[in-house]
Amino acid sequence: MDVLYFAWVRERIGLPKEKVETSAATVAELVEELKAREERYEAAFADLSALRVAIDQELTEFDAALDGAREVAFFPPMTGG
């Protein structure tokens, strides 16, 4: 699946997007797999309360299932004005 990173998440990881092979059943499990890769992922996902996630462009929660997902995106909460 494609994993996309936006704003400071992209800056910490150093990539805007990557293809990921995963056995994770949920977003939270995917995050744990990513954190185990390298320190930069650990830094990006250190505080999940500071992140939002979308599966196939639908805002969701970290306990959401990844069944059939083609894309997962991580980004900070948005502020409007």
PDB file of N, CA and C in Angstrom:
ATOM      1  N   MET A   1       0.835  -1.171   0.000  1.00  0.00           N
ATOM      2  CA  MET A   1       0.000   0.000   0.000  1.00  0.00           C
ATOM      3  C   MET A   1       0.885   1.240   0.000  1.00  0.00           C
ATOM      4  N   ASP A   2       0.328   2.354  -0.413  1.00  0.00           N
ATOM      5  CA  ASP A   2       1.049   3.622  -0.362  1.00  0.00           C
ATOM      6  C   ASP A   2       0.846   4.242   1.012  1.00  0.00           C
ATOM      7  N   VAL A   3       1.922   4.739   1.596  1.00  0.00           N
ATOM      8  CA  VAL A   3       1.837   5.470   2.853  1.00  0.00           C
ATOM      9  C   VAL A   3       2.331   6.885   2.565  1.00  0.00           C
ATOM     10  N   LEU A   4       1.485   7.867   2.892  1.00  0.00           N
ATOM     11  CA  LEU A   4       1.788   9.264   2.618  1.00  0.00           C
ATOM     12  C   LEU A   4       2.023  10.011   3.924  1.00  0.00           C
ATOM     13  N   TYR A   5       2.964  10.938   3.891  1.00  0.00           N
ATOM     14  CA  TYR A   5       3.308  11.740   5.068  1.00  0.00           C
ATOM     15  C   TYR A   5       3.197  13.211   4.695  1.00  0.00           C
ATOM     16  N   PHE A   6       2.571  13.993   5.569  1.00  0.00           N
ATOM     17  CA  PHE A   6       2.375  15.412   5.304  1.00  0.00           C
ATOM     18  C   PHE A   6       2.935  16.283   6.435  1.00  0.00           C
ATOM     19  N   ALA A   7       3.294  17.513   6.078  1.00  0.00           N
ATOM     20  CA  ALA A   7       3.753  18.543   7.019  1.00  0.00           C
ATOM     21  C   ALA A   7       4.969  18.054   7.813  1.00  0.00           C
ATOM     22  N   TRP A   8       4.964  18.240   9.133  1.00  0.00           N
ATOM     23  CA  TRP A   8       6.141  17.887   9.922  1.00  0.00           C
ATOM     24  C   TRP A   8       6.390  16.383   9.969  1.00  0.00           C
ATOM     25  N   VAL A   9       5.370  15.569   9.704  1.00  0.00           N
ATOM     26  CA  VAL A   9       5.577  14.118   9.653  1.00  0.00           C
ATOM     27  C   VAL A   9       6.526  13.807   8.488  1.00  0.00           C
ATOM     28  N   ARG A  10       6.260  14.410   7.339  1.00  0.00           N
ATOM     29  CA  ARG A  10       7.126  14.237   6.160  1.00  0.00           C
ATOM     30  C   ARG A  10       8.536  14.738   6.453  1.00  0.00           C
ATOM     31  N   GLU A  11       8.643  15.867   7.145  1.00  0.00           N
ATOM     32  CA  GLU A  11       9.960  16.425   7.464  1.00  0.00           C
ATOM     33  C   GLU A  11      10.762  15.488   8.357  1.00  0.00           C
ATOM     34  N   ARG A  12      10.125  14.891   9.349  1.00  0.00           N
ATOM     35  CA  ARG A  12      10.841  13.996  10.268  1.00  0.00           C
ATOM     36  C   ARG A  12      11.247  12.691   9.597  1.00  0.00           C
ATOM     37  N   ILE A  13      10.387  12.164   8.734  1.00  0.00           N
ATOM     38  CA  ILE A  13      10.692  10.900   8.070  1.00  0.00           C
ATOM     39  C   ILE A  13      11.592  11.114   6.858  1.00  0.00           C
ATOM     40  N   GLY A  14      11.425  12.250   6.209  1.00  0.00           N
ATOM     41  CA  GLY A  14      12.273  12.562   5.060  1.00  0.00           C
ATOM     42  C   GLY A  14      11.724  12.082   3.725  1.00  0.00           C
ATOM     43  N   LEU A  15      10.485  11.632   3.730  1.00  0.00           N
ATOM     44  CA  LEU A  15       9.836  11.153   2.505  1.00  0.00           C
ATOM     45  C   LEU A  15       8.400  11.669   2.453  1.00  0.00           C
ATOM     46  N   PRO A  16       7.912  12.003   1.253  1.00  0.00           N
ATOM     47  CA  PRO A  16       6.501  12.374   1.149  1.00  0.00           C
ATOM     48  C   PRO A  16       5.591  11.150   1.020  1.00  0.00           C
ATOM     49  N   LYS A  17       6.172  10.023   0.507  1.00  0.00           N
ATOM     50  CA  LYS A  17       5.357   8.853   0.202  1.00  0.00           C
ATOM     51  C   LYS A  17       6.274   7.639   0.035  1.00  0.00           C
ATOM     52  N   GLU A  18       5.759   6.472   0.395  1.00  0.00           N
ATOM     53  CA  GLU A  18       6.495   5.241   0.135  1.00  0.00           C
ATOM     54  C   GLU A  18       5.530   4.078   0.016  1.00  0.00           C
ATOM     55  N   LYS A  19       5.980   3.048  -0.684  1.00  0.00           N
ATOM     56  CA  LYS A  19       5.219   1.796  -0.776  1.00  0.00           C
ATOM     57  C   LYS A  19       5.642   0.928   0.406  1.00  0.00           C
ATOM     58  N   VAL A  20       4.649   0.365   1.095  1.00  0.00           N
ATOM     59  CA  VAL A  20       4.934  -0.438   2.280  1.00  0.00           C
ATOM     60  C   VAL A  20       4.232  -1.783   2.150  1.00  0.00           C
ATOM     61  N   GLU A  21       4.997  -2.834   2.353  1.00  0.00           N
ATOM     62  CA  GLU A  21       4.437  -4.179   2.476  1.00  0.00           C
ATOM     63  C   GLU A  21       4.222  -4.411   3.961  1.00  0.00           C
ATOM     64  N   THR A  22       3.002  -4.755   4.339  1.00  0.00           N
ATOM     65  CA  THR A  22       2.724  -4.896   5.763  1.00  0.00           C
ATOM     66  C   THR A  22       1.823  -6.087   6.033  1.00  0.00           C
ATOM     67  N   SER A  23       1.966  -6.633   7.220  1.00  0.00           N
ATOM     68  CA  SER A  23       1.055  -7.672   7.692  1.00  0.00           C
ATOM     69  C   SER A  23       0.136  -7.101   8.764  1.00  0.00           C
ATOM     70  N   ALA A  24       0.200  -5.784   8.975  1.00  0.00           N
ATOM     71  CA  ALA A  24      -0.601  -5.125  10.000  1.00  0.00           C
ATOM     72  C   ALA A  24      -2.089  -5.221   9.683  1.00  0.00           C
ATOM     73  N   ALA A  25      -2.880  -5.440  10.714  1.00  0.00           N
ATOM     74  CA  ALA A  25      -4.332  -5.515  10.549  1.00  0.00           C
ATOM     75  C   ALA A  25      -4.989  -4.159  10.781  1.00  0.00           C
ATOM     76  N   THR A  26      -4.316  -3.286  11.551  1.00  0.00           N
ATOM     77  CA  THR A  26      -4.876  -1.971  11.872  1.00  0.00           C
ATOM     78  C   THR A  26      -3.835  -0.888  11.619  1.00  0.00           C
ATOM     79  N   VAL A  27      -4.298   0.346  11.626  1.00  0.00           N
ATOM     80  CA  VAL A  27      -3.377   1.471  11.474  1.00  0.00           C
ATOM     81  C   VAL A  27      -2.363   1.468  12.615  1.00  0.00           C
ATOM     82  N   ALA A  28      -2.815   1.209  13.833  1.00  0.00           N
ATOM     83  CA  ALA A  28      -1.910   1.198  14.989  1.00  0.00           C
ATOM     84  C   ALA A  28      -0.794   0.168  14.811  1.00  0.00           C
ATOM     85  N   GLU A  29      -1.125  -1.003  14.270  1.00  0.00           N
ATOM     86  CA  GLU A  29      -0.103  -2.026  14.024  1.00  0.00           C
ATOM     87  C   GLU A  29       0.864  -1.566  12.936  1.00  0.00           C
ATOM     88  N   LEU A  30       0.355  -0.882  11.914  1.00  0.00           N
ATOM     89  CA  LEU A  30       1.219  -0.328  10.873  1.00  0.00           C
ATOM     90  C   LEU A  30       2.189   0.678  11.480  1.00  0.00           C
ATOM     91  N   VAL A  31       1.690   1.534  12.357  1.00  0.00           N
ATOM     92  CA  VAL A  31       2.546   2.525  13.019  1.00  0.00           C
ATOM     93  C   VAL A  31       3.650   1.822  13.801  1.00  0.00           C
ATOM     94  N   GLU A  32       3.318   0.751  14.512  1.00  0.00           N
ATOM     95  CA  GLU A  32       4.332   0.012  15.276  1.00  0.00           C
ATOM     96  C   GLU A  32       5.384  -0.588  14.353  1.00  0.00           C
ATOM     97  N   GLU A  33       4.963  -1.112  13.207  1.00  0.00           N
ATOM     98  CA  GLU A  33       5.927  -1.639  12.229  1.00  0.00           C
ATOM     99  C   GLU A  33       6.849  -0.529  11.725  1.00  0.00           C
ATOM    100  N   LEU A  34       6.268   0.622  11.423  1.00  0.00           N
ATOM    101  CA  LEU A  34       7.073   1.738  10.923  1.00  0.00           C
ATOM    102  C   LEU A  34       8.042   2.232  11.994  1.00  0.00           C
ATOM    103  N   LYS A  35       7.574   2.351  13.232  1.00  0.00           N
ATOM    104  CA  LYS A  35       8.427   2.824  14.327  1.00  0.00           C
ATOM    105  C   LYS A  35       9.622   1.897  14.546  1.00  0.00           C
ATOM    106  N   ALA A  36       9.436   0.615  14.277  1.00  0.00           N
ATOM    107  CA  ALA A  36      10.508  -0.354  14.484  1.00  0.00           C
ATOM    108  C   ALA A  36      11.587  -0.263  13.396  1.00  0.00           C
ATOM    109  N   ARG A  37      11.300   0.420  12.296  1.00  0.00           N
ATOM    110  CA  ARG A  37      12.246   0.519  11.181  1.00  0.00           C
ATOM    111  C   ARG A  37      13.488   1.322  11.535  1.00  0.00           C
ATOM    112  N   GLU A  38      13.266   2.558  11.964  1.00  0.00           N
ATOM    113  CA  GLU A  38      14.370   3.496  12.181  1.00  0.00           C
ATOM    114  C   GLU A  38      13.960   4.557  13.185  1.00  0.00           C
ATOM    115  N   GLU A  39      14.961   5.260  13.695  1.00  0.00           N
ATOM    116  CA  GLU A  39      14.727   6.324  14.665  1.00  0.00           C
ATOM    117  C   GLU A  39      13.845   7.430  14.125  1.00  0.00           C
ATOM    118  N   ARG A  40      13.986   7.751  12.840  1.00  0.00           N
ATOM    119  CA  ARG A  40      13.196   8.858  12.279  1.00  0.00           C
ATOM    120  C   ARG A  40      11.706   8.543  12.305  1.00  0.00           C
ATOM    121  N   TYR A  41      11.317   7.277  12.136  1.00  0.00           N
ATOM    122  CA  TYR A  41       9.913   6.896  12.235  1.00  0.00           C
ATOM    123  C   TYR A  41       9.455   6.967  13.690  1.00  0.00           C
ATOM    124  N   GLU A  42      10.319   6.522  14.583  1.00  0.00           N
ATOM    125  CA  GLU A  42      10.014   6.605  16.016  1.00  0.00           C
ATOM    126  C   GLU A  42       9.731   8.049  16.413  1.00  0.00           C
ATOM    127  N   ALA A  43      10.529   8.975  15.916  1.00  0.00           N
ATOM    128  CA  ALA A  43      10.336  10.395  16.217  1.00  0.00           C
ATOM    129  C   ALA A  43       9.027  10.918  15.639  1.00  0.00           C
ATOM    130  N   ALA A  44       8.731  10.526  14.415  1.00  0.00           N
ATOM    131  CA  ALA A  44       7.516  11.015  13.757  1.00  0.00           C
ATOM    132  C   ALA A  44       6.241  10.508  14.433  1.00  0.00           C
ATOM    133  N   PHE A  45       6.292   9.277  14.949  1.00  0.00           N
ATOM    134  CA  PHE A  45       5.103   8.678  15.548  1.00  0.00           C
ATOM    135  C   PHE A  45       5.163   8.607  17.072  1.00  0.00           C
ATOM    136  N   ALA A  46       6.004   9.414  17.682  1.00  0.00           N
ATOM    137  CA  ALA A  46       6.177   9.381  19.143  1.00  0.00           C
ATOM    138  C   ALA A  46       4.902   9.750  19.890  1.00  0.00           C
ATOM    139  N   ASP A  47       4.129  10.684  19.348  1.00  0.00           N
ATOM    140  CA  ASP A  47       2.912  11.153  20.030  1.00  0.00           C
ATOM    141  C   ASP A  47       1.740  11.057  19.063  1.00  0.00           C
ATOM    142  N   LEU A  48       1.025   9.949  19.109  1.00  0.00           N
ATOM    143  CA  LEU A  48      -0.084   9.739  18.170  1.00  0.00           C
ATOM    144  C   LEU A  48      -1.224  10.722  18.387  1.00  0.00           C
ATOM    145  N   SER A  49      -1.322  11.304  19.575  1.00  0.00           N
ATOM    146  CA  SER A  49      -2.384  12.289  19.802  1.00  0.00           C
ATOM    147  C   SER A  49      -2.153  13.557  18.988  1.00  0.00           C
ATOM    148  N   ALA A  50      -0.932  13.728  18.466  1.00  0.00           N
ATOM    149  CA  ALA A  50      -0.603  14.885  17.634  1.00  0.00           C
ATOM    150  C   ALA A  50      -0.771  14.581  16.149  1.00  0.00           C
ATOM    151  N   LEU A  51      -1.345  13.413  15.835  1.00  0.00           N
ATOM    152  CA  LEU A  51      -1.492  12.993  14.437  1.00  0.00           C
ATOM    153  C   LEU A  51      -2.929  12.626  14.106  1.00  0.00           C
ATOM    154  N   ARG A  52      -3.238  12.751  12.839  1.00  0.00           N
ATOM    155  CA  ARG A  52      -4.491  12.256  12.286  1.00  0.00           C
ATOM    156  C   ARG A  52      -4.124  11.263  11.196  1.00  0.00           C
ATOM    157  N   VAL A  53      -5.079  10.400  10.860  1.00  0.00           N
ATOM    158  CA  VAL A  53      -4.830   9.387   9.838  1.00  0.00           C
ATOM    159  C   VAL A  53      -6.050   9.267   8.930  1.00  0.00           C
ATOM    160  N   ALA A  54      -5.769   8.983   7.662  1.00  0.00           N
ATOM    161  CA  ALA A  54      -6.840   8.733   6.696  1.00  0.00           C
ATOM    162  C   ALA A  54      -6.496   7.461   5.930  1.00  0.00           C
ATOM    163  N   ILE A  55      -7.524   6.662   5.687  1.00  0.00           N
ATOM    164  CA  ILE A  55      -7.387   5.475   4.847  1.00  0.00           C
ATOM    165  C   ILE A  55      -8.170   5.742   3.574  1.00  0.00           C
ATOM    166  N   ASP A  56      -7.505   5.637   2.452  1.00  0.00           N
ATOM    167  CA  ASP A  56      -8.126   5.906   1.153  1.00  0.00           C
ATOM    168  C   ASP A  56      -8.899   7.226   1.169  1.00  0.00           C
ATOM    169  N   GLN A  57      -8.273   8.241   1.729  1.00  0.00           N
ATOM    170  CA  GLN A  57      -8.755   9.616   1.784  1.00  0.00           C
ATOM    171  C   GLN A  57      -9.996   9.807   2.657  1.00  0.00           C
ATOM    172  N   GLU A  58     -10.234   8.873   3.582  1.00  0.00           N
ATOM    173  CA  GLU A  58     -11.318   8.997   4.552  1.00  0.00           C
ATOM    174  C   GLU A  58     -10.703   9.086   5.946  1.00  0.00           C
ATOM    175  N   LEU A  59     -10.975  10.167   6.655  1.00  0.00           N
ATOM    176  CA  LEU A  59     -10.458  10.340   8.008  1.00  0.00           C
ATOM    177  C   LEU A  59     -10.934   9.193   8.885  1.00  0.00           C
ATOM    178  N   THR A  60     -10.011   8.637   9.671  1.00  0.00           N
ATOM    179  CA  THR A  60     -10.345   7.482  10.501  1.00  0.00           C
ATOM    180  C   THR A  60      -9.540   7.525  11.794  1.00  0.00           C
ATOM    181  N   GLU A  61      -9.606   6.440  12.563  1.00  0.00           N
ATOM    182  CA  GLU A  61      -8.892   6.339  13.838  1.00  0.00           C
ATOM    183  C   GLU A  61      -7.760   5.329  13.705  1.00  0.00           C
ATOM    184  N   PHE A  62      -6.865   5.327  14.684  1.00  0.00           N
ATOM    185  CA  PHE A  62      -5.713   4.434  14.641  1.00  0.00           C
ATOM    186  C   PHE A  62      -6.084   2.968  14.849  1.00  0.00           C
ATOM    187  N   ASP A  63      -7.284   2.695  15.375  1.00  0.00           N
ATOM    188  CA  ASP A  63      -7.704   1.300  15.541  1.00  0.00           C
ATOM    189  C   ASP A  63      -8.463   0.782  14.312  1.00  0.00           C
ATOM    190  N   ALA A  64      -8.522   1.578  13.242  1.00  0.00           N
ATOM    191  CA  ALA A  64      -9.230   1.185  12.026  1.00  0.00           C
ATOM    192  C   ALA A  64      -8.520   0.040  11.311  1.00  0.00           C
ATOM    193  N   ALA A  65      -9.316  -0.843  10.733  1.00  0.00           N
ATOM    194  CA  ALA A  65      -8.778  -1.982   9.986  1.00  0.00           C
ATOM    195  C   ALA A  65      -8.203  -1.526   8.647  1.00  0.00           C
ATOM    196  N   LEU A  66      -7.161  -2.212   8.218  1.00  0.00           N
ATOM    197  CA  LEU A  66      -6.510  -1.907   6.945  1.00  0.00           C
ATOM    198  C   LEU A  66      -6.997  -2.793   5.799  1.00  0.00           C
ATOM    199  N   ASP A  67      -7.989  -3.623   6.034  1.00  0.00           N
ATOM    200  CA  ASP A  67      -8.491  -4.537   5.007  1.00  0.00           C
ATOM    201  C   ASP A  67      -8.768  -3.801   3.700  1.00  0.00           C
ATOM    202  N   GLY A  68      -8.062  -4.181   2.655  1.00  0.00           N
ATOM    203  CA  GLY A  68      -8.302  -3.613   1.337  1.00  0.00           C
ATOM    204  C   GLY A  68      -7.809  -2.195   1.125  1.00  0.00           C
ATOM    205  N   ALA A  69      -7.137  -1.627   2.112  1.00  0.00           N
ATOM    206  CA  ALA A  69      -6.665  -0.240   1.982  1.00  0.00           C
ATOM    207  C   ALA A  69      -5.595  -0.136   0.893  1.00  0.00           C
ATOM    208  N   ARG A  70      -5.701   0.894   0.093  1.00  0.00           N
ATOM    209  CA  ARG A  70      -4.697   1.165  -0.937  1.00  0.00           C
ATOM    210  C   ARG A  70      -3.747   2.275  -0.504  1.00  0.00           C
ATOM    211  N   GLU A  71      -4.240   3.137   0.416  1.00  0.00           N
ATOM    212  CA  GLU A  71      -3.453   4.301   0.816  1.00  0.00           C
ATOM    213  C   GLU A  71      -3.738   4.650   2.272  1.00  0.00           C
ATOM    214  N   VAL A  72      -2.683   4.963   3.000  1.00  0.00           N
ATOM    215  CA  VAL A  72      -2.807   5.470   4.373  1.00  0.00           C
ATOM    216  C   VAL A  72      -2.013   6.762   4.428  1.00  0.00           C
ATOM    217  N   ALA A  73      -2.621   7.803   4.974  1.00  0.00           N
ATOM    218  CA  ALA A  73      -1.958   9.101   5.068  1.00  0.00           C
ATOM    219  C   ALA A  73      -1.896   9.550   6.520  1.00  0.00           C
ATOM    220  N   PHE A  74      -0.750  10.095   6.908  1.00  0.00           N
ATOM    221  CA  PHE A  74      -0.540  10.621   8.256  1.00  0.00           C
ATOM    222  C   PHE A  74      -0.270  12.115   8.160  1.00  0.00           C
ATOM    223  N   PHE A  75      -0.913  12.896   9.038  1.00  0.00           N
ATOM    224  CA  PHE A  75      -0.760  14.345   9.002  1.00  0.00           C
ATOM    225  C   PHE A  75      -1.148  14.923  10.357  1.00  0.00           C
ATOM    226  N   PRO A  76      -0.665  16.134  10.659  1.00  0.00           N
ATOM    227  CA  PRO A  76      -1.055  16.783  11.904  1.00  0.00           C
ATOM    228  C   PRO A  76      -2.491  17.304  11.795  1.00  0.00           C
ATOM    229  N   PRO A  77      -3.142  17.559  12.946  1.00  0.00           N
ATOM    230  CA  PRO A  77      -4.488  18.142  12.900  1.00  0.00           C
ATOM    231  C   PRO A  77      -4.451  19.468  12.148  1.00  0.00           C
ATOM    232  N   MET A  78      -5.526  19.771  11.484  1.00  0.00           N
ATOM    233  CA  MET A  78      -5.560  21.017  10.725  1.00  0.00           C
ATOM    234  C   MET A  78      -6.240  22.114  11.517  1.00  0.00           C
ATOM    235  N   THR A  79      -5.720  23.296  11.357  1.00  0.00           N
ATOM    236  CA  THR A  79      -6.371  24.448  11.958  1.00  0.00           C
ATOM    237  C   THR A  79      -6.880  25.308  10.831  1.00  0.00           C
ATOM    238  N   GLY A  80      -7.978  25.922  11.041  1.00  0.00           N
ATOM    239  CA  GLY A  80      -8.585  26.722   9.979  1.00  0.00           C
ATOM    240  C   GLY A  80      -8.712  28.165  10.392  1.00  0.00           C
ATOM    241  N   GLY A  81      -9.087  28.936   9.435  1.00  0.00           N
ATOM    242  CA  GLY A  81      -9.257  30.344   9.744  1.00  0.00           C
ATOM    243  C   GLY A  81     -10.006  31.020   8.654  1.00  0.00           C
TER     244      GLY A  81
END
